N, C-alpha and C. Protein backbone atom coordinates (compact mmCIF):
# COMPACT_ATOMS: atom_id res chain seq x y z
N MET A 1 -25.00 7.58 10.63
CA MET A 1 -25.25 6.33 11.80
C MET A 1 -23.84 6.42 12.95
N THR A 2 -24.37 6.59 13.93
CA THR A 2 -23.24 6.95 15.21
C THR A 2 -22.18 5.29 15.60
N PHE A 3 -21.07 5.91 15.27
CA PHE A 3 -20.18 4.61 15.29
C PHE A 3 -19.45 5.16 17.05
N ASP A 4 -19.02 3.96 17.60
CA ASP A 4 -18.53 3.57 19.07
C ASP A 4 -17.01 3.07 18.30
N VAL A 5 -15.88 4.25 18.63
CA VAL A 5 -14.84 3.63 18.01
C VAL A 5 -13.55 4.26 19.30
N GLU A 6 -12.80 2.99 19.33
CA GLU A 6 -12.08 2.39 20.52
C GLU A 6 -10.74 2.13 20.56
N THR A 7 -9.56 2.45 20.63
CA THR A 7 -8.71 2.52 20.72
C THR A 7 -7.70 1.68 21.94
N LYS A 8 -7.24 0.75 21.96
CA LYS A 8 -7.05 0.28 23.27
C LYS A 8 -5.51 -0.65 23.11
N ASP A 9 -4.83 -0.88 24.37
CA ASP A 9 -3.71 -1.94 24.24
C ASP A 9 -4.03 -3.24 23.57
N CYS A 10 -3.67 -3.74 23.07
CA CYS A 10 -3.93 -5.05 22.29
C CYS A 10 -3.88 -6.48 23.65
N THR A 11 -3.05 -6.05 24.62
CA THR A 11 -3.17 -6.85 25.64
C THR A 11 -4.20 -7.02 26.55
N ALA A 12 -5.35 -5.79 26.35
CA ALA A 12 -7.03 -5.82 26.71
C ALA A 12 -7.88 -6.36 25.93
N LEU A 13 -7.51 -6.70 24.74
CA LEU A 13 -8.34 -7.52 23.98
C LEU A 13 -8.94 -8.80 24.60
N SER A 14 -9.77 -8.98 24.57
CA SER A 14 -10.42 -10.24 25.23
C SER A 14 -10.62 -11.14 24.02
N ASP A 15 -10.81 -12.48 24.39
CA ASP A 15 -11.49 -13.94 23.33
C ASP A 15 -12.72 -13.53 22.90
N GLY A 16 -13.72 -12.76 23.06
CA GLY A 16 -14.59 -12.68 22.66
C GLY A 16 -14.71 -11.51 21.69
N GLU A 17 -13.56 -10.72 21.67
CA GLU A 17 -13.56 -9.54 20.81
C GLU A 17 -12.61 -10.20 19.48
N LEU A 18 -12.40 -10.94 19.95
CA LEU A 18 -11.34 -12.04 18.78
C LEU A 18 -12.40 -12.88 18.07
N ALA A 19 -13.40 -13.30 18.50
CA ALA A 19 -14.35 -14.11 18.08
C ALA A 19 -14.93 -13.07 17.08
N ASP A 20 -15.35 -11.82 17.23
CA ASP A 20 -16.09 -10.99 16.58
C ASP A 20 -15.29 -10.58 15.48
N MET A 21 -13.86 -10.39 15.52
CA MET A 21 -13.14 -9.98 14.38
C MET A 21 -13.34 -11.18 13.77
N ALA A 22 -13.07 -12.49 13.94
CA ALA A 22 -13.17 -13.53 12.92
C ALA A 22 -14.43 -13.94 12.56
N ASP A 23 -15.85 -13.47 13.14
CA ASP A 23 -16.87 -13.16 12.08
C ASP A 23 -16.68 -12.08 11.14
N ILE A 24 -15.55 -11.25 10.97
CA ILE A 24 -15.65 -10.11 9.60
C ILE A 24 -14.96 -10.89 8.83
N VAL A 25 -13.46 -11.48 8.97
CA VAL A 25 -12.81 -11.69 8.12
C VAL A 25 -13.39 -12.92 7.42
N ALA A 26 -13.77 -13.93 8.32
CA ALA A 26 -14.58 -14.78 7.36
C ALA A 26 -15.64 -14.75 6.12
N ASP A 27 -15.84 -13.32 5.98
CA ASP A 27 -16.63 -12.50 4.82
C ASP A 27 -15.64 -12.36 3.87
N GLY A 28 -14.20 -12.01 3.77
CA GLY A 28 -13.86 -11.54 3.28
C GLY A 28 -12.82 -12.69 2.33
N PRO A 29 -11.72 -12.11 1.18
CA PRO A 29 -11.30 -13.03 0.30
C PRO A 29 -9.86 -13.10 0.93
N ALA A 30 -9.48 -12.49 1.86
CA ALA A 30 -7.70 -12.65 2.45
C ALA A 30 -7.45 -13.87 3.38
N GLY A 31 -8.29 -14.98 3.31
CA GLY A 31 -7.84 -15.82 3.79
C GLY A 31 -7.58 -15.97 5.35
N LEU A 32 -8.18 -15.26 6.12
CA LEU A 32 -7.81 -14.72 7.34
C LEU A 32 -8.83 -15.61 8.37
N ASP A 33 -8.02 -16.43 9.36
CA ASP A 33 -8.60 -16.98 10.41
C ASP A 33 -8.51 -16.65 12.12
N ILE A 34 -8.75 -17.07 12.89
CA ILE A 34 -9.16 -17.36 14.22
C ILE A 34 -7.47 -17.63 14.95
N GLY A 35 -6.85 -18.14 14.11
CA GLY A 35 -5.33 -18.53 14.88
C GLY A 35 -4.62 -17.25 14.25
N LEU A 36 -4.92 -16.66 13.11
CA LEU A 36 -3.73 -15.63 12.73
C LEU A 36 -4.35 -14.28 13.36
N LEU A 37 -5.64 -14.01 13.87
CA LEU A 37 -6.36 -13.26 14.44
C LEU A 37 -5.23 -13.13 16.21
N SER A 38 -5.40 -14.31 16.61
CA SER A 38 -4.72 -14.38 17.82
C SER A 38 -3.62 -13.91 17.83
N LYS A 39 -3.26 -14.36 17.16
CA LYS A 39 -1.38 -14.16 16.87
C LYS A 39 -0.81 -12.30 17.10
N GLN A 40 -2.20 -11.87 16.46
CA GLN A 40 -2.15 -10.29 16.49
C GLN A 40 -1.90 -9.60 18.08
N ARG A 41 -2.44 -10.09 18.50
CA ARG A 41 -2.85 -9.97 20.09
C ARG A 41 -1.14 -9.50 20.98
N ASP A 42 -0.34 -10.32 20.29
CA ASP A 42 0.64 -10.42 20.89
C ASP A 42 2.00 -9.63 19.83
N GLU A 43 1.60 -9.29 19.09
CA GLU A 43 2.72 -8.70 17.56
C GLU A 43 2.23 -7.17 17.19
N TRP A 44 1.19 -6.87 17.75
CA TRP A 44 1.04 -5.54 17.68
C TRP A 44 0.38 -4.52 18.96
N VAL A 45 0.85 -3.17 19.25
CA VAL A 45 0.75 -2.39 20.26
C VAL A 45 -0.63 -1.75 20.71
N LEU A 46 -1.46 -1.56 19.39
CA LEU A 46 -3.12 -0.98 19.36
C LEU A 46 -3.55 -1.84 18.63
N VAL A 47 -5.00 -1.73 19.01
CA VAL A 47 -5.91 -2.18 18.22
C VAL A 47 -7.19 -1.14 18.19
N THR A 48 -7.88 -1.08 17.03
CA THR A 48 -9.12 0.43 17.00
C THR A 48 -10.21 -0.83 16.64
N GLN A 49 -11.25 -0.32 17.35
CA GLN A 49 -12.72 -1.57 17.11
C GLN A 49 -13.46 -0.34 16.84
N VAL A 50 -14.30 -0.17 15.64
CA VAL A 50 -15.60 0.29 14.98
C VAL A 50 -16.69 -0.34 15.50
N ARG A 51 -17.24 0.13 16.12
CA ARG A 51 -19.07 -0.58 16.62
C ARG A 51 -20.57 0.24 16.12
N ALA A 52 -21.29 -0.10 16.25
CA ALA A 52 -22.79 0.56 15.84
C ALA A 52 -23.43 -0.24 16.37
N GLU A 53 -24.19 0.12 17.31
CA GLU A 53 -25.47 -0.79 17.91
C GLU A 53 -24.75 -1.70 18.29
N ALA A 54 -23.66 -2.17 19.32
CA ALA A 54 -22.78 -3.11 19.70
C ALA A 54 -22.06 -3.85 18.38
N HIS A 55 -22.32 -4.02 17.73
CA HIS A 55 -22.33 -4.85 16.63
C HIS A 55 -20.82 -4.17 15.64
N LEU A 56 -19.82 -4.96 15.98
CA LEU A 56 -18.28 -4.64 15.56
C LEU A 56 -18.58 -4.93 14.10
N LEU A 57 -18.18 -3.42 13.20
CA LEU A 57 -17.90 -3.16 12.00
C LEU A 57 -16.68 -3.34 11.22
N GLY A 58 -15.42 -3.09 12.10
CA GLY A 58 -14.32 -2.98 11.55
C GLY A 58 -13.18 -2.79 12.73
N PHE A 59 -11.91 -3.07 12.53
CA PHE A 59 -11.00 -3.19 13.37
C PHE A 59 -10.05 -3.27 12.88
N SER A 60 -8.55 -2.72 13.38
CA SER A 60 -7.22 -2.52 12.94
C SER A 60 -6.10 -2.64 13.88
N PHE A 61 -5.31 -3.87 13.69
CA PHE A 61 -4.47 -3.61 14.67
C PHE A 61 -2.88 -3.00 14.02
N CYS A 62 -2.40 -1.84 14.97
CA CYS A 62 -1.75 -1.12 14.72
C CYS A 62 -0.23 -0.86 15.35
N THR A 63 0.71 0.20 14.84
CA THR A 63 1.50 0.65 16.18
C THR A 63 2.08 1.57 15.52
N LEU A 64 2.02 2.62 16.64
CA LEU A 64 2.90 3.86 15.91
C LEU A 64 4.30 4.34 16.80
N GLU A 65 5.30 4.16 15.81
CA GLU A 65 6.89 3.69 16.14
C GLU A 65 7.60 4.49 15.38
N ARG A 66 8.77 4.70 15.56
CA ARG A 66 9.57 5.41 14.40
C ARG A 66 10.89 4.01 13.99
N ILE A 67 11.01 4.50 12.77
CA ILE A 67 11.58 3.53 11.71
C ILE A 67 13.08 4.62 11.61
N GLY A 68 14.03 4.33 11.94
CA GLY A 68 15.28 5.36 11.58
C GLY A 68 14.96 6.02 11.82
N GLY A 69 14.32 7.22 13.21
CA GLY A 69 13.99 8.34 13.46
C GLY A 69 12.65 8.61 12.62
N THR A 70 12.20 8.23 11.86
CA THR A 70 10.94 8.50 10.96
C THR A 70 9.65 8.03 11.71
N PRO A 71 8.50 9.20 12.15
CA PRO A 71 7.67 8.45 12.69
C PRO A 71 6.86 7.61 11.85
N CYS A 72 5.68 6.71 12.16
CA CYS A 72 5.11 5.77 11.68
C CYS A 72 4.05 5.26 11.89
N VAL A 73 3.07 4.91 11.58
CA VAL A 73 1.53 4.20 11.85
C VAL A 73 1.42 3.13 10.73
N LEU A 74 1.58 1.90 11.57
CA LEU A 74 2.00 0.93 10.78
C LEU A 74 0.71 0.06 10.81
N TRP A 75 -0.07 -0.11 9.73
CA TRP A 75 -1.25 -0.80 10.21
C TRP A 75 -1.07 -2.29 9.67
N GLY A 76 -1.17 -3.53 10.62
CA GLY A 76 -1.19 -5.14 10.82
C GLY A 76 -2.63 -5.60 9.87
N LEU A 77 -2.95 -6.13 10.71
CA LEU A 77 -3.91 -6.99 10.26
C LEU A 77 -5.27 -5.88 10.33
N VAL A 78 -5.95 -5.56 9.36
CA VAL A 78 -7.43 -4.61 9.53
C VAL A 78 -8.37 -5.35 8.67
N SER A 79 -9.48 -5.45 9.18
CA SER A 79 -10.92 -5.83 8.45
C SER A 79 -11.81 -4.73 8.39
N VAL A 80 -12.90 -4.44 7.45
CA VAL A 80 -13.53 -3.96 7.57
C VAL A 80 -14.95 -4.72 7.00
N LYS A 81 -16.04 -4.82 7.62
CA LYS A 81 -17.49 -5.58 7.21
C LYS A 81 -17.37 -5.30 6.19
N ARG A 82 -18.24 -6.02 5.38
CA ARG A 82 -18.72 -5.72 3.92
C ARG A 82 -20.07 -5.11 4.11
N CYS A 83 -20.29 -4.02 4.81
CA CYS A 83 -21.53 -3.40 4.89
C CYS A 83 -21.83 -2.36 4.25
N THR A 84 -22.88 -1.39 3.98
CA THR A 84 -23.08 -0.39 3.27
C THR A 84 -22.40 1.06 3.88
N GLU A 85 -22.02 0.65 5.34
CA GLU A 85 -21.72 1.67 5.67
C GLU A 85 -19.82 1.40 6.25
N ARG A 86 -19.19 0.96 5.14
CA ARG A 86 -17.94 0.39 5.15
C ARG A 86 -16.82 1.77 5.09
N GLU A 87 -17.44 2.59 4.14
CA GLU A 87 -16.53 3.92 3.80
C GLU A 87 -16.40 4.59 4.82
N ALA A 88 -17.53 4.93 5.68
CA ALA A 88 -17.29 5.27 7.12
C ALA A 88 -16.72 4.92 7.98
N VAL A 89 -16.86 3.48 8.18
CA VAL A 89 -16.26 2.63 9.45
C VAL A 89 -14.91 2.87 8.59
N LEU A 90 -14.34 2.75 7.80
CA LEU A 90 -12.92 3.31 7.00
C LEU A 90 -12.60 4.53 7.78
N ASP A 91 -13.08 5.30 7.63
CA ASP A 91 -12.97 6.65 7.84
C ASP A 91 -12.80 6.86 9.41
N ALA A 92 -13.95 6.38 10.01
CA ALA A 92 -13.42 6.25 11.65
C ALA A 92 -12.54 5.29 12.08
N LEU A 93 -11.93 3.96 11.34
CA LEU A 93 -10.58 4.10 12.07
C LEU A 93 -9.56 4.61 11.86
N ARG A 94 -9.35 5.35 10.38
CA ARG A 94 -8.14 6.33 9.93
C ARG A 94 -8.20 7.60 10.83
N ALA A 95 -9.22 7.98 11.14
CA ALA A 95 -9.51 9.14 12.23
C ALA A 95 -8.80 8.91 13.31
N ASP A 96 -9.16 8.03 13.98
CA ASP A 96 -9.03 7.43 15.51
C ASP A 96 -7.28 7.22 15.50
N GLN A 97 -6.90 6.65 14.87
CA GLN A 97 -5.72 6.35 14.75
C GLN A 97 -4.38 7.67 14.21
N PHE A 98 -5.16 8.52 13.38
CA PHE A 98 -3.96 9.23 12.71
C PHE A 98 -4.51 10.64 14.09
N ARG A 99 -5.34 10.69 14.90
CA ARG A 99 -5.80 11.56 16.18
C ARG A 99 -4.45 11.11 17.13
N LYS A 100 -4.06 9.79 17.54
CA LYS A 100 -3.14 9.43 18.24
C LYS A 100 -1.74 9.75 17.50
N ALA A 101 -1.95 9.89 16.11
CA ALA A 101 -0.51 10.10 15.80
C ALA A 101 0.24 11.46 16.13
N VAL A 102 -1.13 12.18 16.03
CA VAL A 102 -0.93 13.57 16.18
C VAL A 102 -0.24 13.94 18.09
N LEU A 103 -0.91 12.96 18.37
CA LEU A 103 -0.24 13.44 20.35
C LEU A 103 1.18 12.43 20.41
N ALA A 104 1.10 11.55 19.28
CA ALA A 104 2.58 11.01 19.73
C ALA A 104 3.90 11.48 18.65
N PHE A 105 3.55 12.31 17.67
CA PHE A 105 4.07 12.75 16.86
C PHE A 105 3.85 14.36 16.23
N PRO A 106 3.93 15.43 17.35
CA PRO A 106 3.29 16.41 17.14
C PRO A 106 4.36 17.32 16.45
N ASP A 107 3.38 17.84 15.26
CA ASP A 107 4.42 18.97 14.04
C ASP A 107 5.25 18.26 13.11
N GLU A 108 5.02 16.78 13.29
CA GLU A 108 5.96 16.02 12.30
C GLU A 108 5.18 15.16 11.17
N ASP A 109 5.39 15.19 10.10
CA ASP A 109 5.20 14.31 9.00
C ASP A 109 4.72 12.72 9.32
N VAL A 110 4.04 12.03 9.13
CA VAL A 110 3.72 10.80 9.70
C VAL A 110 3.98 9.60 8.11
N LEU A 111 4.86 8.50 8.38
CA LEU A 111 4.72 7.84 7.05
C LEU A 111 3.63 6.55 7.82
N VAL A 112 2.74 6.26 6.57
CA VAL A 112 1.87 5.34 6.77
C VAL A 112 1.56 4.08 6.11
N ALA A 113 1.62 3.06 6.33
CA ALA A 113 2.49 2.01 5.80
C ALA A 113 1.39 0.54 6.19
N THR A 114 0.92 -0.27 5.38
CA THR A 114 0.41 -1.42 5.41
C THR A 114 0.89 -2.67 4.30
N ARG A 115 0.09 -3.94 4.28
CA ARG A 115 0.24 -4.56 2.96
C ARG A 115 -1.34 -4.96 2.32
N LEU A 116 -1.17 -4.81 1.46
CA LEU A 116 -2.63 -5.31 0.80
C LEU A 116 -2.62 -6.58 -0.26
N ARG A 117 -3.67 -6.93 -0.33
CA ARG A 117 -3.94 -7.91 -1.13
C ARG A 117 -4.65 -8.13 -2.26
N GLU A 118 -5.56 -6.84 -2.42
CA GLU A 118 -6.95 -6.38 -3.02
C GLU A 118 -6.66 -5.21 -3.18
N PRO A 119 -6.82 -4.53 -5.06
CA PRO A 119 -6.51 -3.10 -5.28
C PRO A 119 -7.51 -2.40 -4.37
N GLY A 120 -8.70 -2.42 -4.10
CA GLY A 120 -9.57 -1.81 -2.94
C GLY A 120 -9.05 -1.05 -2.13
N GLY A 121 -7.86 -2.11 -1.50
CA GLY A 121 -7.49 -1.33 -0.04
C GLY A 121 -6.64 -0.40 -0.25
N PHE A 122 -6.36 0.35 -1.58
CA PHE A 122 -5.55 1.41 -1.66
C PHE A 122 -6.74 3.00 -1.20
N ALA A 123 -8.08 2.23 -0.91
CA ALA A 123 -8.98 3.59 -0.47
C ALA A 123 -8.50 4.06 1.17
N ALA A 124 -7.41 3.34 1.74
CA ALA A 124 -6.73 3.27 2.84
C ALA A 124 -5.97 4.70 2.84
N PHE A 125 -5.73 4.80 1.60
CA PHE A 125 -4.25 5.81 1.33
C PHE A 125 -4.78 7.29 0.91
N SER A 126 -6.69 7.38 0.80
CA SER A 126 -6.98 8.54 0.16
C SER A 126 -6.51 9.72 0.92
N GLY A 127 -6.22 10.51 0.32
CA GLY A 127 -5.43 12.08 0.55
C GLY A 127 -4.40 12.25 1.22
N LEU A 128 -3.86 10.79 1.16
CA LEU A 128 -1.94 10.87 1.47
C LEU A 128 -1.13 11.23 0.45
N GLU A 129 -0.19 11.71 1.15
CA GLU A 129 0.66 12.15 -0.54
C GLU A 129 2.01 11.39 -0.62
N GLU A 130 2.81 11.41 -2.01
CA GLU A 130 3.54 10.54 -2.30
C GLU A 130 3.46 8.97 -1.70
N ILE A 131 2.37 8.51 -2.13
CA ILE A 131 1.65 7.12 -2.23
C ILE A 131 2.85 6.28 -2.96
N CYS A 132 3.47 5.16 -2.53
CA CYS A 132 4.18 4.29 -3.34
C CYS A 132 3.92 2.86 -2.86
N PRO A 133 3.92 1.93 -4.19
CA PRO A 133 3.74 2.13 -5.39
C PRO A 133 2.36 3.10 -6.07
N ARG A 134 2.65 3.81 -6.95
CA ARG A 134 1.07 4.10 -7.44
C ARG A 134 1.64 4.48 -9.43
N PRO A 135 0.28 4.03 -9.68
CA PRO A 135 0.57 4.40 -11.21
C PRO A 135 1.43 5.22 -11.86
N GLY A 136 2.31 4.77 -12.86
CA GLY A 136 2.98 5.61 -13.82
C GLY A 136 4.15 6.29 -13.37
N TYR A 137 4.58 5.64 -11.61
CA TYR A 137 5.56 6.39 -11.29
C TYR A 137 7.00 5.32 -10.82
N LYS A 138 8.03 5.57 -11.13
CA LYS A 138 9.35 5.00 -10.99
C LYS A 138 9.65 5.34 -9.55
N VAL A 139 9.78 4.19 -8.57
CA VAL A 139 10.05 4.81 -7.43
C VAL A 139 11.55 4.88 -7.12
N SER A 140 12.11 5.66 -6.44
CA SER A 140 13.11 6.23 -6.06
C SER A 140 14.37 5.30 -5.24
N GLY A 141 15.46 5.68 -5.16
CA GLY A 141 16.26 4.49 -4.31
C GLY A 141 15.80 4.69 -2.82
N GLU A 142 15.62 5.81 -2.39
CA GLU A 142 15.24 5.80 -1.14
C GLU A 142 14.04 5.31 -0.75
N GLU A 143 13.01 5.12 -1.40
CA GLU A 143 11.28 4.70 -1.54
C GLU A 143 11.52 2.87 -1.87
N ARG A 144 12.64 2.45 -2.63
CA ARG A 144 12.84 1.39 -2.71
C ARG A 144 13.37 0.83 -1.30
N ALA A 145 14.06 1.47 -0.71
CA ALA A 145 15.09 1.28 0.43
C ALA A 145 13.76 1.30 1.60
N TRP A 146 12.75 1.99 1.50
CA TRP A 146 11.42 1.94 2.65
C TRP A 146 11.01 0.60 2.42
N SER A 147 10.74 0.22 0.85
CA SER A 147 10.16 -1.18 1.02
C SER A 147 10.60 -2.33 1.49
N ARG A 148 11.98 -2.08 1.69
CA ARG A 148 13.02 -2.81 2.36
C ARG A 148 12.90 -3.06 3.96
N ARG A 149 13.27 -1.90 4.18
CA ARG A 149 12.66 -1.48 5.83
C ARG A 149 11.31 -2.07 6.35
N LEU A 150 10.83 -1.39 5.64
CA LEU A 150 9.25 -2.23 6.05
C LEU A 150 9.09 -3.46 6.10
N ALA A 151 9.35 -4.65 5.03
CA ALA A 151 9.29 -5.65 4.65
C ALA A 151 9.95 -6.42 6.41
N LYS A 152 11.08 -5.70 6.32
CA LYS A 152 11.98 -6.15 7.64
C LYS A 152 10.90 -5.93 9.22
N ARG A 153 10.13 -4.90 9.08
CA ARG A 153 9.32 -4.65 10.33
C ARG A 153 8.12 -5.25 10.33
N PHE A 154 7.58 -6.11 8.79
CA PHE A 154 6.45 -6.65 9.06
C PHE A 154 6.97 -8.67 8.61
N GLY A 155 8.37 -8.62 9.42
CA GLY A 155 8.42 -10.17 9.30
C GLY A 155 8.78 -10.72 7.88
N ALA A 156 8.83 -9.67 7.04
CA ALA A 156 9.27 -10.49 5.55
C ALA A 156 10.68 -9.85 4.69
N GLU A 157 11.99 -10.03 5.68
CA GLU A 157 12.81 -9.41 5.07
C GLU A 157 13.63 -10.08 4.07
N GLY A 158 14.16 -9.45 3.17
CA GLY A 158 14.44 -10.87 1.94
C GLY A 158 13.38 -10.75 1.09
N LYS A 159 12.01 -10.65 1.20
CA LYS A 159 11.20 -11.34 0.46
C LYS A 159 10.61 -9.86 -0.45
N VAL A 160 10.87 -9.20 -0.52
CA VAL A 160 10.28 -7.99 -1.02
C VAL A 160 11.01 -7.73 -2.39
N ASP A 161 10.50 -7.61 -3.42
CA ASP A 161 11.07 -6.72 -4.73
C ASP A 161 10.67 -5.51 -4.40
N ASP A 162 11.88 -4.61 -4.42
CA ASP A 162 11.69 -3.39 -4.22
C ASP A 162 11.72 -2.46 -5.29
N ARG A 163 11.35 -3.22 -6.36
CA ARG A 163 10.73 -2.38 -7.33
C ARG A 163 9.23 -2.09 -7.94
N SER A 164 8.92 -3.66 -7.60
CA SER A 164 7.23 -3.91 -7.23
C SER A 164 6.71 -3.63 -6.10
N PHE A 165 7.20 -3.90 -4.79
CA PHE A 165 7.07 -3.62 -3.68
C PHE A 165 6.17 -5.13 -3.61
N VAL A 166 6.17 -6.09 -4.46
CA VAL A 166 5.73 -7.47 -3.59
C VAL A 166 6.41 -8.07 -2.97
N VAL A 167 5.54 -8.58 -2.12
CA VAL A 167 6.29 -9.44 -0.93
C VAL A 167 5.82 -11.09 -1.26
N ARG A 168 6.57 -11.78 -1.56
CA ARG A 168 6.81 -12.97 -1.75
C ARG A 168 6.14 -13.81 -0.48
N GLY A 169 4.99 -14.65 -0.80
CA GLY A 169 4.27 -15.10 0.31
C GLY A 169 4.76 -16.88 -0.02
N ASP A 170 4.23 -17.74 0.91
CA ASP A 170 4.61 -19.21 1.07
C ASP A 170 3.13 -19.99 1.04
N GLY A 171 2.30 -19.32 0.87
CA GLY A 171 0.86 -19.41 0.87
C GLY A 171 0.46 -20.14 2.13
N SER A 172 0.83 -19.56 3.06
CA SER A 172 0.09 -19.65 4.33
C SER A 172 -0.48 -17.82 4.48
N PRO A 173 -1.85 -18.05 5.29
CA PRO A 173 -2.45 -16.33 5.52
C PRO A 173 -1.14 -15.42 6.11
N CYS A 174 -1.29 -14.23 5.85
CA CYS A 174 -0.55 -13.11 6.63
C CYS A 174 -1.44 -11.98 6.56
N PRO A 175 -1.14 -11.37 7.51
CA PRO A 175 -1.59 -10.06 7.97
C PRO A 175 -1.83 -8.94 6.81
N VAL A 176 -2.81 -8.41 6.53
CA VAL A 176 -3.13 -7.60 5.42
C VAL A 176 -4.71 -6.50 5.55
N PHE A 177 -4.49 -5.49 4.68
CA PHE A 177 -5.48 -4.31 5.24
C PHE A 177 -6.64 -5.40 4.15
N ASP A 178 -7.73 -5.62 4.73
CA ASP A 178 -8.92 -6.35 4.27
C ASP A 178 -9.86 -5.28 4.17
N TYR A 179 -9.67 -4.62 2.98
CA TYR A 179 -10.93 -3.66 2.35
C TYR A 179 -11.66 -3.79 1.30
N GLU A 180 -12.82 -4.01 1.08
CA GLU A 180 -13.28 -3.74 -0.31
C GLU A 180 -13.94 -2.64 -0.26
N PRO A 181 -14.11 -1.72 -1.63
CA PRO A 181 -14.98 -0.58 -1.75
C PRO A 181 -16.53 -1.04 -1.91
N GLU A 182 -17.60 -0.75 -1.42
CA GLU A 182 -18.66 -1.13 -1.98
C GLU A 182 -19.33 -1.16 -3.28
N ASP A 183 -18.26 -0.28 -4.24
CA ASP A 183 -18.49 0.29 -6.04
C ASP A 183 -17.08 -0.74 -6.10
N SER A 184 -16.77 -1.71 -6.07
CA SER A 184 -15.59 -2.48 -6.64
C SER A 184 -15.32 -2.09 -8.09
N GLU A 185 -15.84 -1.57 -8.73
CA GLU A 185 -16.39 -0.81 -10.49
C GLU A 185 -15.37 0.20 -10.43
N GLY A 186 -15.37 0.92 -9.39
CA GLY A 186 -14.83 1.99 -9.48
C GLY A 186 -13.06 1.91 -9.09
N VAL A 187 -12.75 1.04 -8.58
CA VAL A 187 -11.45 0.72 -8.48
C VAL A 187 -10.39 1.14 -9.93
N ASP A 188 -9.55 2.16 -9.46
CA ASP A 188 -8.82 2.34 -10.71
C ASP A 188 -8.01 1.10 -11.37
N ALA A 189 -8.38 1.03 -12.99
CA ALA A 189 -7.69 -0.30 -13.53
C ALA A 189 -6.12 -0.05 -13.38
N LYS A 190 -5.97 0.80 -13.61
CA LYS A 190 -4.55 1.36 -13.38
C LYS A 190 -3.42 1.33 -11.43
N VAL A 191 -4.45 1.16 -10.61
CA VAL A 191 -3.85 0.83 -9.38
C VAL A 191 -4.09 -0.78 -9.47
N ALA A 192 -4.98 -1.44 -10.16
CA ALA A 192 -4.86 -2.74 -9.90
C ALA A 192 -3.99 -3.53 -10.63
N GLU A 193 -3.27 -3.10 -12.18
CA GLU A 193 -2.17 -3.16 -12.77
C GLU A 193 -1.00 -3.25 -12.13
N LEU A 194 -1.11 -2.78 -10.63
CA LEU A 194 0.34 -3.16 -9.62
C LEU A 194 0.44 -4.21 -8.95
N MET A 195 -1.10 -5.19 -9.16
CA MET A 195 -0.85 -6.22 -8.39
C MET A 195 -0.51 -7.36 -9.36
N GLU A 196 -0.87 -7.07 -10.57
CA GLU A 196 -0.99 -7.96 -11.74
C GLU A 196 0.33 -9.03 -11.25
N ALA A 197 1.50 -8.58 -10.67
CA ALA A 197 2.84 -9.74 -10.63
C ALA A 197 2.58 -10.29 -9.64
N MET A 198 1.78 -10.23 -8.60
CA MET A 198 1.18 -11.27 -7.26
C MET A 198 0.47 -12.43 -7.85
N ASP A 199 1.33 -13.36 -6.75
CA ASP A 199 0.94 -14.85 -7.02
C ASP A 199 -0.25 -15.03 -5.95
N GLY A 200 -1.39 -15.14 -6.57
CA GLY A 200 -2.93 -15.51 -5.43
C GLY A 200 -2.21 -16.86 -4.43
N ALA A 201 -2.10 -17.78 -5.54
CA ALA A 201 -2.08 -19.03 -4.61
C ALA A 201 -1.04 -19.12 -3.63
N ARG A 202 0.12 -18.22 -4.26
CA ARG A 202 1.24 -18.30 -3.16
C ARG A 202 1.12 -17.02 -1.84
N ARG A 203 -0.07 -16.50 -2.07
CA ARG A 203 -0.27 -15.05 -1.00
C ARG A 203 0.14 -14.20 -0.95
N ASP A 204 0.93 -13.52 -1.94
CA ASP A 204 2.09 -12.36 -2.04
C ASP A 204 1.13 -11.39 -1.74
N ALA A 205 1.68 -10.17 -0.93
CA ALA A 205 0.96 -9.15 -0.91
C ALA A 205 1.98 -7.73 -1.37
N LEU A 206 1.23 -6.75 -1.38
CA LEU A 206 1.93 -5.49 -1.88
C LEU A 206 1.87 -4.75 -0.25
N ILE A 207 3.42 -4.60 -0.40
CA ILE A 207 3.73 -3.41 0.35
C ILE A 207 3.59 -1.54 0.06
N VAL A 208 2.50 -1.10 0.58
CA VAL A 208 1.98 0.68 0.20
C VAL A 208 2.31 1.33 1.20
N PHE A 209 2.92 2.54 0.73
CA PHE A 209 3.10 3.58 1.77
C PHE A 209 2.73 4.74 1.75
N GLY A 210 2.22 5.90 2.22
CA GLY A 210 2.13 6.97 1.79
C GLY A 210 2.74 8.19 3.09
N TRP A 211 2.73 9.60 2.62
CA TRP A 211 2.79 10.28 3.86
C TRP A 211 1.29 11.49 4.39
N ALA A 212 0.73 11.39 5.92
CA ALA A 212 0.27 12.12 6.34
C ALA A 212 1.26 13.71 6.85
N MET A 213 0.72 14.21 5.97
CA MET A 213 1.45 15.42 6.17
C MET A 213 0.69 16.47 7.52
N SER A 214 1.81 16.73 8.67
CA SER A 214 1.42 17.30 10.14
C SER A 214 0.51 18.43 9.95
N GLU A 215 0.45 19.25 8.76
CA GLU A 215 -0.52 20.53 8.96
C GLU A 215 -2.46 19.56 8.50
N GLU A 216 -2.40 18.28 8.32
CA GLU A 216 -3.22 17.70 7.79
C GLU A 216 -3.57 17.26 8.96
N LEU A 217 -2.86 16.30 9.48
CA LEU A 217 -2.93 15.65 10.94
C LEU A 217 -3.73 16.48 12.28
N ALA A 218 -3.06 17.56 11.84
CA ALA A 218 -3.36 18.90 13.26
C ALA A 218 -4.59 19.22 13.08
N THR A 219 -5.30 19.26 11.68
CA THR A 219 -6.36 19.81 11.52
C THR A 219 -7.96 18.85 11.73
N GLY A 220 -7.41 17.21 11.87
CA GLY A 220 -8.18 16.15 11.92
C GLY A 220 -8.18 15.86 10.75
N PHE A 221 -7.11 15.06 10.31
CA PHE A 221 -6.96 14.47 8.74
C PHE A 221 -8.20 13.87 8.52
N LYS A 222 -8.86 13.96 7.42
CA LYS A 222 -9.56 12.95 7.07
C LYS A 222 -9.48 12.63 5.22
N SER A 223 -10.36 11.70 5.02
CA SER A 223 -10.51 11.40 3.53
C SER A 223 -10.70 12.71 2.63
């Protein structure tokens, strides 16, 4: 299937496009709605949309910025339609944003970060290096500091457990990376264990980050 992928400023996002996005998030378990979507237009810089035959299959609010001098790709609210092409849609979203990261941060390693509520979302970090948190790994002091920096950037300062990377929710929806693999049984059970400390009713989220190496970005990084 051929995709039409576009990344543009959030200020150019129309109400009709937001309505298309709302149709996608309604299918997922993340508890997202049109009200939360509307806020993303003001809170993020870029939005990437993937369409096929004019139908929206996935979107991602993001920003390219530096945190303490470190180049970052930060994913806000992201959702991929529960369709048979979902893996390819995810790849298309990532590829377009990583291409822009090369232009913004040439010859630099880039930190990629988001918040997850379901273990399937770890698919977004396929191929990245030094993913945190990850099974069987004790995070370092610097990695714990990154969880706090990212929590602050995501508007959750003081709410993150810097050992588990779990952000305490308040029961209201928050922007997360909403992706469910077609084969949910293929999700690593040890990865799922990283989310056991999360309270679903409270709508906790998990901060996750990894590194896209400059040489992979320069050659057209793909999973």
